[in-house]
C-alpha atoms as a PDB file:
ATOM      1  CA  UNK A   1      85.101 105.132 116.613  1.00  0.00           C
ATOM      2  CA  UNK A   2      87.535 106.417 119.245  1.00  0.00           C
ATOM      3  CA  UNK A   3      88.343 110.117 119.241  1.00  0.00           C
ATOM      4  CA  UNK A   4      91.742 111.398 118.096  1.00  0.00           C
ATOM      5  CA  UNK A   5      93.726 112.585 121.138  1.00  0.00           C
ATOM      6  CA  UNK A   6      94.362 116.378 121.182  1.00  0.00           C
ATOM      7  CA  UNK A   7      96.649 118.852 122.814  1.00  0.00           C
ATOM      8  CA  UNK A   8      93.929 120.385 125.059  1.00  0.00           C
ATOM      9  CA  UNK A   9      93.396 123.202 122.581  1.00  0.00           C
ATOM     10  CA  UNK A  10      91.504 121.098 120.102  1.00  0.00           C
ATOM     11  CA  UNK A  11      94.444 120.384 117.887  1.00  0.00           C
ATOM     12  CA  UNK A  12      94.646 116.678 117.010  1.00  0.00           C
ATOM     13  CA  UNK A  13      97.757 114.804 118.074  1.00  0.00           C
ATOM     14  CA  UNK A  14      99.202 112.583 115.384  1.00  0.00           C
ATOM     15  CA  UNK A  15     102.400 110.634 114.897  1.00  0.00           C
ATOM     16  CA  UNK A  16     104.788 112.425 112.491  1.00  0.00           C
ATOM     17  CA  UNK A  17     108.198 111.275 111.201  1.00  0.00           C
ATOM     18  CA  UNK A  18     111.144 113.473 111.849  1.00  0.00           C
ATOM     19  CA  UNK A  19     114.294 112.561 109.891  1.00  0.00           C
ATOM     20  CA  UNK A  20     117.968 113.407 110.068  1.00  0.00           C
ATOM     21  CA  UNK A  21     121.396 112.221 109.028  1.00  0.00           C
ATOM     22  CA  UNK A  22     124.983 112.954 109.775  1.00  0.00           C
ATOM     23  CA  UNK A  23     128.396 111.486 108.967  1.00  0.00           C
ATOM     24  CA  UNK A  24     130.952 110.102 111.378  1.00  0.00           C
ATOM     25  CA  UNK A  25     134.654 110.864 111.342  1.00  0.00           C
ATOM     26  CA  UNK A  26     135.780 107.351 112.377  1.00  0.00           C
ATOM     27  CA  UNK A  27     134.428 103.886 113.168  1.00  0.00           C
ATOM     28  CA  UNK A  28     134.902 104.370 116.912  1.00  0.00           C
ATOM     29  CA  UNK A  29     132.537 104.240 119.749  1.00  0.00           C
ATOM     30  CA  UNK A  30     133.228 107.835 120.746  1.00  0.00           C
ATOM     31  CA  UNK A  31     132.857 109.190 117.144  1.00  0.00           C
ATOM     32  CA  UNK A  32     129.560 107.397 116.540  1.00  0.00           C
ATOM     33  CA  UNK A  33     128.062 108.506 119.837  1.00  0.00           C
ATOM     34  CA  UNK A  34     129.208 112.121 119.487  1.00  0.00           C
ATOM     35  CA  UNK A  35     127.872 112.487 115.937  1.00  0.00           C
ATOM     36  CA  UNK A  36     124.574 110.777 116.903  1.00  0.00           C
ATOM     37  CA  UNK A  37     124.171 112.997 119.992  1.00  0.00           C
ATOM     38  CA  UNK A  38     124.819 116.147 117.950  1.00  0.00           C
ATOM     39  CA  UNK A  39     122.300 115.098 115.309  1.00  0.00           C
ATOM     40  CA  UNK A  40     119.662 114.137 117.934  1.00  0.00           C
ATOM     41  CA  UNK A  41     120.234 117.394 119.869  1.00  0.00           C
ATOM     42  CA  UNK A  42     119.685 119.472 116.738  1.00  0.00           C
ATOM     43  CA  UNK A  43     116.495 117.547 115.835  1.00  0.00           C
ATOM     44  CA  UNK A  44     115.182 117.995 119.380  1.00  0.00           C
ATOM     45  CA  UNK A  45     115.984 121.657 119.623  1.00  0.00           C
ATOM     46  CA  UNK A  46     114.893 122.599 116.082  1.00  0.00           C
ATOM     47  CA  UNK A  47     111.510 120.946 116.635  1.00  0.00           C
ATOM     48  CA  UNK A  48     110.949 121.510 120.369  1.00  0.00           C
ATOM     49  CA  UNK A  49     110.646 117.767 121.005  1.00  0.00           C
ATOM     50  CA  UNK A  50     110.238 116.249 124.463  1.00  0.00           C
ATOM     51  CA  UNK A  51     111.119 112.611 124.986  1.00  0.00           C
ATOM     52  CA  UNK A  52     107.689 111.905 126.512  1.00  0.00           C
ATOM     53  CA  UNK A  53     106.183 112.621 123.066  1.00  0.00           C
ATOM     54  CA  UNK A  54     108.434 110.229 121.135  1.00  0.00           C
ATOM     55  CA  UNK A  55     106.646 106.996 120.183  1.00  0.00           C
ATOM     56  CA  UNK A  56     109.819 105.319 118.983  1.00  0.00           C
ATOM     57  CA  UNK A  57     113.086 105.926 117.103  1.00  0.00           C
ATOM     58  CA  UNK A  58     114.948 104.048 114.395  1.00  0.00           C
ATOM     59  CA  UNK A  59     118.700 104.519 113.968  1.00  0.00           C
ATOM     60  CA  UNK A  60     120.481 103.148 110.926  1.00  0.00           C
ATOM     61  CA  UNK A  61     124.166 103.134 110.067  1.00  0.00           C
ATOM     62  CA  UNK A  62     126.096 102.239 106.932  1.00  0.00           C
ATOM     63  CA  UNK A  63     127.927  98.933 107.110  1.00  0.00           C
ATOM     64  CA  UNK A  64     131.252 100.579 107.732  1.00  0.00           C
ATOM     65  CA  UNK A  65     130.127 101.747 111.184  1.00  0.00           C
ATOM     66  CA  UNK A  66     129.941  98.855 113.672  1.00  0.00           C
ATOM     67  CA  UNK A  67     131.872 100.134 116.764  1.00  0.00           C
ATOM     68  CA  UNK A  68     128.695 101.131 118.691  1.00  0.00           C
ATOM     69  CA  UNK A  69     124.928 101.144 118.608  1.00  0.00           C
ATOM     70  CA  UNK A  70     123.916 104.753 117.771  1.00  0.00           C
ATOM     71  CA  UNK A  71     120.762 104.398 119.868  1.00  0.00           C
ATOM     72  CA  UNK A  72     122.998 104.464 122.916  1.00  0.00           C
ATOM     73  CA  UNK A  73     123.386 108.219 122.321  1.00  0.00           C
ATOM     74  CA  UNK A  74     119.648 108.619 122.995  1.00  0.00           C
ATOM     75  CA  UNK A  75     119.907 106.572 126.159  1.00  0.00           C
ATOM     76  CA  UNK A  76     122.785 108.750 127.280  1.00  0.00           C
ATOM     77  CA  UNK A  77     120.588 111.791 126.796  1.00  0.00           C
ATOM     78  CA  UNK A  78     117.928 110.370 129.074  1.00  0.00           C
ATOM     79  CA  UNK A  79     115.608 108.556 126.627  1.00  0.00           C
ATOM     80  CA  UNK A  80     115.233 105.583 128.926  1.00  0.00           C
ATOM     81  CA  UNK A  81     111.540 104.895 128.230  1.00  0.00           C
ATOM     82  CA  UNK A  82     111.572 105.455 124.459  1.00  0.00           C
ATOM     83  CA  UNK A  83     111.555 102.304 122.283  1.00  0.00           C
ATOM     84  CA  UNK A  84     114.755 102.404 120.142  1.00  0.00           C
ATOM     85  CA  UNK A  85     115.913 100.203 117.274  1.00  0.00           C
ATOM     86  CA  UNK A  86     119.189 100.046 115.327  1.00  0.00           C
ATOM     87  CA  UNK A  87     119.776  98.561 111.858  1.00  0.00           C
ATOM     88  CA  UNK A  88     121.881  98.766 108.733  1.00  0.00           C
ATOM     89  CA  UNK A  89     121.063 101.083 105.898  1.00  0.00           C
ATOM     90  CA  UNK A  90     120.610  99.467 102.517  1.00  0.00           C
ATOM     91  CA  UNK A  91     123.984  99.357 100.841  1.00  0.00           C
ATOM     92  CA  UNK A  92     123.674 100.918  97.411  1.00  0.00           C
ATOM     93  CA  UNK A  93     126.863 101.133  95.251  1.00  0.00           C
ATOM     94  CA  UNK A  94     128.168 104.711  95.344  1.00  0.00           C
ATOM     95  CA  UNK A  95     126.072 105.808  98.293  1.00  0.00           C
ATOM     96  CA  UNK A  96     127.308 107.956 101.185  1.00  0.00           C
ATOM     97  CA  UNK A  97     129.353 105.958 103.709  1.00  0.00           C
ATOM     98  CA  UNK A  98     130.046 106.598 107.404  1.00  0.00           C
ATOM     99  CA  UNK A  99     126.516 107.806 107.831  1.00  0.00           C
ATOM    100  CA  UNK A 100     124.058 107.638 110.789  1.00  0.00           C
ATOM    101  CA  UNK A 101     120.381 108.188 110.019  1.00  0.00           C
ATOM    102  CA  UNK A 102     117.560 108.783 112.508  1.00  0.00           C
ATOM    103  CA  UNK A 103     113.824 108.490 112.067  1.00  0.00           C
ATOM    104  CA  UNK A 104     111.821 109.664 115.097  1.00  0.00           C
ATOM    105  CA  UNK A 105     108.137 108.889 115.427  1.00  0.00           C
ATOM    106  CA  UNK A 106     106.811 111.993 117.240  1.00  0.00           C
ATOM    107  CA  UNK A 107     103.378 112.521 118.688  1.00  0.00           C
ATOM    108  CA  UNK A 108     102.584 116.104 117.925  1.00  0.00           C
ATOM    109  CA  UNK A 109      99.916 118.548 116.765  1.00  0.00           C
ATOM    110  CA  UNK A 110     102.243 120.019 114.163  1.00  0.00           C
ATOM    111  CA  UNK A 111     101.434 119.529 110.511  1.00  0.00           C
ATOM    112  CA  UNK A 112     103.951 117.667 108.310  1.00  0.00           C
ATOM    113  CA  UNK A 113     105.153 120.899 106.667  1.00  0.00           C
ATOM    114  CA  UNK A 114     106.017 122.315 110.140  1.00  0.00           C
ATOM    115  CA  UNK A 115     108.487 119.525 110.871  1.00  0.00           C
ATOM    116  CA  UNK A 116     112.176 120.420 110.598  1.00  0.00           C
ATOM    117  CA  UNK A 117     114.376 117.574 109.333  1.00  0.00           C
ATOM    118  CA  UNK A 118     118.086 117.873 110.033  1.00  0.00           C
ATOM    119  CA  UNK A 119     120.975 116.855 107.708  1.00  0.00           C
ATOM    120  CA  UNK A 120     124.452 117.843 108.812  1.00  0.00           C
ATOM    121  CA  UNK A 121     128.086 117.400 107.772  1.00  0.00           C
ATOM    122  CA  UNK A 122     128.491 115.323 104.570  1.00  0.00           C
ATOM    123  CA  UNK A 123     124.910 114.008 104.921  1.00  0.00           C
ATOM    124  CA  UNK A 124     123.747 117.392 103.550  1.00  0.00           C
ATOM    125  CA  UNK A 125     124.285 115.769 100.136  1.00  0.00           C
ATOM    126  CA  UNK A 126     121.390 113.340 100.903  1.00  0.00           C
ATOM    127  CA  UNK A 127     118.743 116.055 101.115  1.00  0.00           C
ATOM    128  CA  UNK A 128     120.144 119.480 100.207  1.00  0.00           C
ATOM    129  CA  UNK A 129     116.520 120.759 100.012  1.00  0.00           C
ATOM    130  CA  UNK A 130     116.116 120.031 103.736  1.00  0.00           C
ATOM    131  CA  UNK A 131     119.543 121.194 104.925  1.00  0.00           C
ATOM    132  CA  UNK A 132     118.893 124.928 105.481  1.00  0.00           C
ATOM    133  CA  UNK A 133     119.832 125.171 109.142  1.00  0.00           C
ATOM    134  CA  UNK A 134     120.534 128.380 111.056  1.00  0.00           C
ATOM    135  CA  UNK A 135     124.209 128.567 112.006  1.00  0.00           C
ATOM    136  CA  UNK A 136     125.131 125.978 114.657  1.00  0.00           C
ATOM    137  CA  UNK A 137     127.269 126.981 117.627  1.00  0.00           C
ATOM    138  CA  UNK A 138     128.905 123.586 118.089  1.00  0.00           C
ATOM    139  CA  UNK A 139     130.456 124.511 121.446  1.00  0.00           C
ATOM    140  CA  UNK A 140     127.087 125.594 122.862  1.00  0.00           C
ATOM    141  CA  UNK A 141     125.457 122.474 121.433  1.00  0.00           C
ATOM    142  CA  UNK A 142     128.009 120.227 123.264  1.00  0.00           C
ATOM    143  CA  UNK A 143     127.268 122.170 126.465  1.00  0.00           C
ATOM    144  CA  UNK A 144     123.544 121.555 126.002  1.00  0.00           C
ATOM    145  CA  UNK A 145     124.190 117.875 125.360  1.00  0.00           C
ATOM    146  CA  UNK A 146     126.292 117.613 128.504  1.00  0.00           C
ATOM    147  CA  UNK A 147     123.391 118.984 130.534  1.00  0.00           C
ATOM    148  CA  UNK A 148     121.060 116.432 128.948  1.00  0.00           C
ATOM    149  CA  UNK A 149     123.521 113.650 129.928  1.00  0.00           C
ATOM    150  CA  UNK A 150     123.823 114.720 133.510  1.00  0.00           C
ATOM    151  CA  UNK A 151     122.011 112.698 136.225  1.00  0.00           C
ATOM    152  CA  UNK A 152     118.264 113.371 136.257  1.00  0.00           C
ATOM    153  CA  UNK A 153     118.232 114.741 139.790  1.00  0.00           C
ATOM    154  CA  UNK A 154     120.460 117.677 138.850  1.00  0.00           C
ATOM    155  CA  UNK A 155     118.189 118.827 135.957  1.00  0.00           C
END
Protein backbone atom coordinates (compact mmCIF):
# COMPACT_ATOMS: atom_id res chain seq x y z
CA UNK A 1 0.00 0.00 0.00
CA UNK A 2 1.48 3.40 -0.95
CA UNK A 3 2.34 5.83 1.81
CA UNK A 4 0.26 8.94 2.39
CA UNK A 5 2.22 12.04 1.31
CA UNK A 6 3.21 14.32 4.16
CA UNK A 7 4.34 17.87 4.73
CA UNK A 8 7.92 16.96 5.64
CA UNK A 9 7.07 17.15 9.33
CA UNK A 10 5.22 13.85 9.42
CA UNK A 11 1.76 15.39 9.04
CA UNK A 12 -0.28 13.57 6.38
CA UNK A 13 -1.43 15.61 3.39
CA UNK A 14 -5.05 14.94 2.48
CA UNK A 15 -7.57 16.57 0.20
CA UNK A 16 -10.05 18.79 2.06
CA UNK A 17 -13.03 20.72 0.80
CA UNK A 18 -13.17 24.46 1.36
CA UNK A 19 -16.53 26.07 0.67
CA UNK A 20 -17.77 29.57 0.15
CA UNK A 21 -20.60 31.59 -1.33
CA UNK A 22 -21.44 35.17 -2.17
CA UNK A 23 -24.13 37.09 -3.94
CA UNK A 24 -23.74 39.22 -7.06
CA UNK A 25 -25.24 42.69 -7.54
CA UNK A 26 -26.10 42.25 -11.23
CA UNK A 27 -25.92 39.70 -14.02
CA UNK A 28 -22.95 41.36 -15.68
CA UNK A 29 -19.49 40.07 -16.47
CA UNK A 30 -17.90 42.68 -14.20
CA UNK A 31 -20.19 42.01 -11.21
CA UNK A 32 -19.79 38.21 -11.42
CA UNK A 33 -16.00 38.42 -11.68
CA UNK A 34 -15.65 41.00 -8.90
CA UNK A 35 -17.83 39.04 -6.47
CA UNK A 36 -16.06 35.78 -7.30
CA UNK A 37 -12.59 37.33 -6.93
CA UNK A 38 -13.54 38.78 -3.54
CA UNK A 39 -14.87 35.45 -2.31
CA UNK A 40 -11.89 33.53 -3.63
CA UNK A 41 -9.46 36.05 -2.11
CA UNK A 42 -11.10 35.75 1.30
CA UNK A 43 -11.02 31.94 1.15
CA UNK A 44 -7.34 31.99 0.13
CA UNK A 45 -6.29 34.49 2.77
CA UNK A 46 -8.40 33.04 5.59
CA UNK A 47 -6.88 29.59 5.05
CA UNK A 48 -3.38 30.43 3.79
CA UNK A 49 -3.98 28.56 0.54
CA UNK A 50 -1.43 28.48 -2.28
CA UNK A 51 -2.63 27.63 -5.79
CA UNK A 52 -0.01 24.85 -6.09
CA UNK A 53 -1.92 22.98 -3.35
CA UNK A 54 -5.33 23.17 -5.04
CA UNK A 55 -6.35 19.88 -6.64
CA UNK A 56 -9.36 21.41 -8.40
CA UNK A 57 -12.19 23.89 -7.94
CA UNK A 58 -15.89 23.83 -8.73
CA UNK A 59 -17.84 27.05 -9.22
CA UNK A 60 -21.63 27.10 -9.40
CA UNK A 61 -24.04 29.91 -10.12
CA UNK A 62 -27.78 30.23 -9.82
CA UNK A 63 -29.59 30.22 -13.16
CA UNK A 64 -30.06 33.99 -13.14
CA UNK A 65 -26.29 34.49 -13.53
CA UNK A 66 -25.09 33.72 -17.05
CA UNK A 67 -23.06 36.76 -18.14
CA UNK A 68 -19.67 35.13 -17.35
CA UNK A 69 -18.01 31.96 -16.11
CA UNK A 70 -17.05 32.59 -12.45
CA UNK A 71 -13.96 30.38 -12.85
CA UNK A 72 -12.46 33.13 -15.00
CA UNK A 73 -11.90 35.05 -11.74
CA UNK A 74 -9.49 32.31 -10.59
CA UNK A 75 -7.66 32.42 -13.93
CA UNK A 76 -7.36 36.20 -13.58
CA UNK A 77 -5.74 35.65 -10.18
CA UNK A 78 -3.09 33.35 -11.66
CA UNK A 79 -4.66 29.92 -11.25
CA UNK A 80 -3.56 28.83 -14.71
CA UNK A 81 -2.67 25.21 -13.81
CA UNK A 82 -5.63 24.45 -11.53
CA UNK A 83 -8.45 22.37 -13.03
CA UNK A 84 -11.63 24.47 -12.81
CA UNK A 85 -15.26 23.62 -13.54
CA UNK A 86 -18.42 25.75 -13.68
CA UNK A 87 -22.00 24.58 -13.38
CA UNK A 88 -25.49 25.57 -12.31
CA UNK A 89 -26.70 25.21 -8.75
CA UNK A 90 -29.82 23.10 -8.25
CA UNK A 91 -32.82 25.38 -8.57
CA UNK A 92 -34.97 24.93 -5.47
CA UNK A 93 -38.10 27.09 -5.16
CA UNK A 94 -37.50 29.94 -2.73
CA UNK A 95 -33.72 29.49 -2.64
CA UNK A 96 -31.19 32.33 -2.69
CA UNK A 97 -30.71 33.79 -6.17
CA UNK A 98 -27.77 35.73 -7.71
CA UNK A 99 -25.42 33.42 -5.85
CA UNK A 100 -21.94 32.13 -6.70
CA UNK A 101 -20.65 29.13 -4.77
CA UNK A 102 -17.13 27.73 -4.70
CA UNK A 103 -15.84 24.33 -3.60
CA UNK A 104 -12.04 24.08 -3.52
CA UNK A 105 -10.31 20.71 -3.21
CA UNK A 106 -7.22 21.59 -1.17
CA UNK A 107 -4.25 19.32 -0.46
CA UNK A 108 -3.34 20.19 3.11
CA UNK A 109 -2.25 18.76 6.43
CA UNK A 110 -5.00 20.65 8.28
CA UNK A 111 -7.83 18.77 9.91
CA UNK A 112 -11.39 19.38 8.71
CA UNK A 113 -12.22 21.47 11.78
CA UNK A 114 -9.29 23.82 11.00
CA UNK A 115 -10.76 24.79 7.61
CA UNK A 116 -12.38 28.23 7.37
CA UNK A 117 -15.36 28.35 5.01
CA UNK A 118 -16.40 31.81 3.81
CA UNK A 119 -19.94 33.08 3.27
CA UNK A 120 -20.38 36.78 2.50
CA UNK A 121 -23.03 39.31 1.55
CA UNK A 122 -26.53 37.78 1.31
CA UNK A 123 -25.00 34.27 1.15
CA UNK A 124 -24.47 34.48 4.92
CA UNK A 125 -28.06 33.23 5.12
CA UNK A 126 -26.95 29.89 3.62
CA UNK A 127 -24.63 29.06 6.53
CA UNK A 128 -24.90 31.57 9.38
CA UNK A 129 -23.00 29.08 11.56
CA UNK A 130 -19.95 29.42 9.25
CA UNK A 131 -20.19 33.16 8.65
CA UNK A 132 -18.21 34.55 11.57
CA UNK A 133 -15.50 36.46 9.68
CA UNK A 134 -13.22 39.08 11.12
CA UNK A 135 -14.06 42.54 9.74
CA UNK A 136 -13.17 42.82 6.06
CA UNK A 137 -11.36 45.89 4.75
CA UNK A 138 -12.85 45.76 1.24
CA UNK A 139 -10.49 48.43 -0.12
CA UNK A 140 -7.43 46.52 1.12
CA UNK A 141 -8.90 43.28 -0.26
CA UNK A 142 -9.31 44.86 -3.73
CA UNK A 143 -5.69 46.07 -3.58
CA UNK A 144 -4.54 42.52 -2.72
CA UNK A 145 -6.60 41.13 -5.61
CA UNK A 146 -5.03 43.67 -8.00
CA UNK A 147 -1.57 42.43 -7.01
CA UNK A 148 -2.65 38.81 -7.65
CA UNK A 149 -3.91 39.84 -11.09
CA UNK A 150 -0.71 41.61 -12.08
CA UNK A 151 1.67 39.88 -14.50
CA UNK A 152 3.69 37.08 -12.88
CA UNK A 153 7.06 38.67 -13.49
CA UNK A 154 6.16 41.66 -11.30
CA UNK A 155 5.22 39.50 -8.31
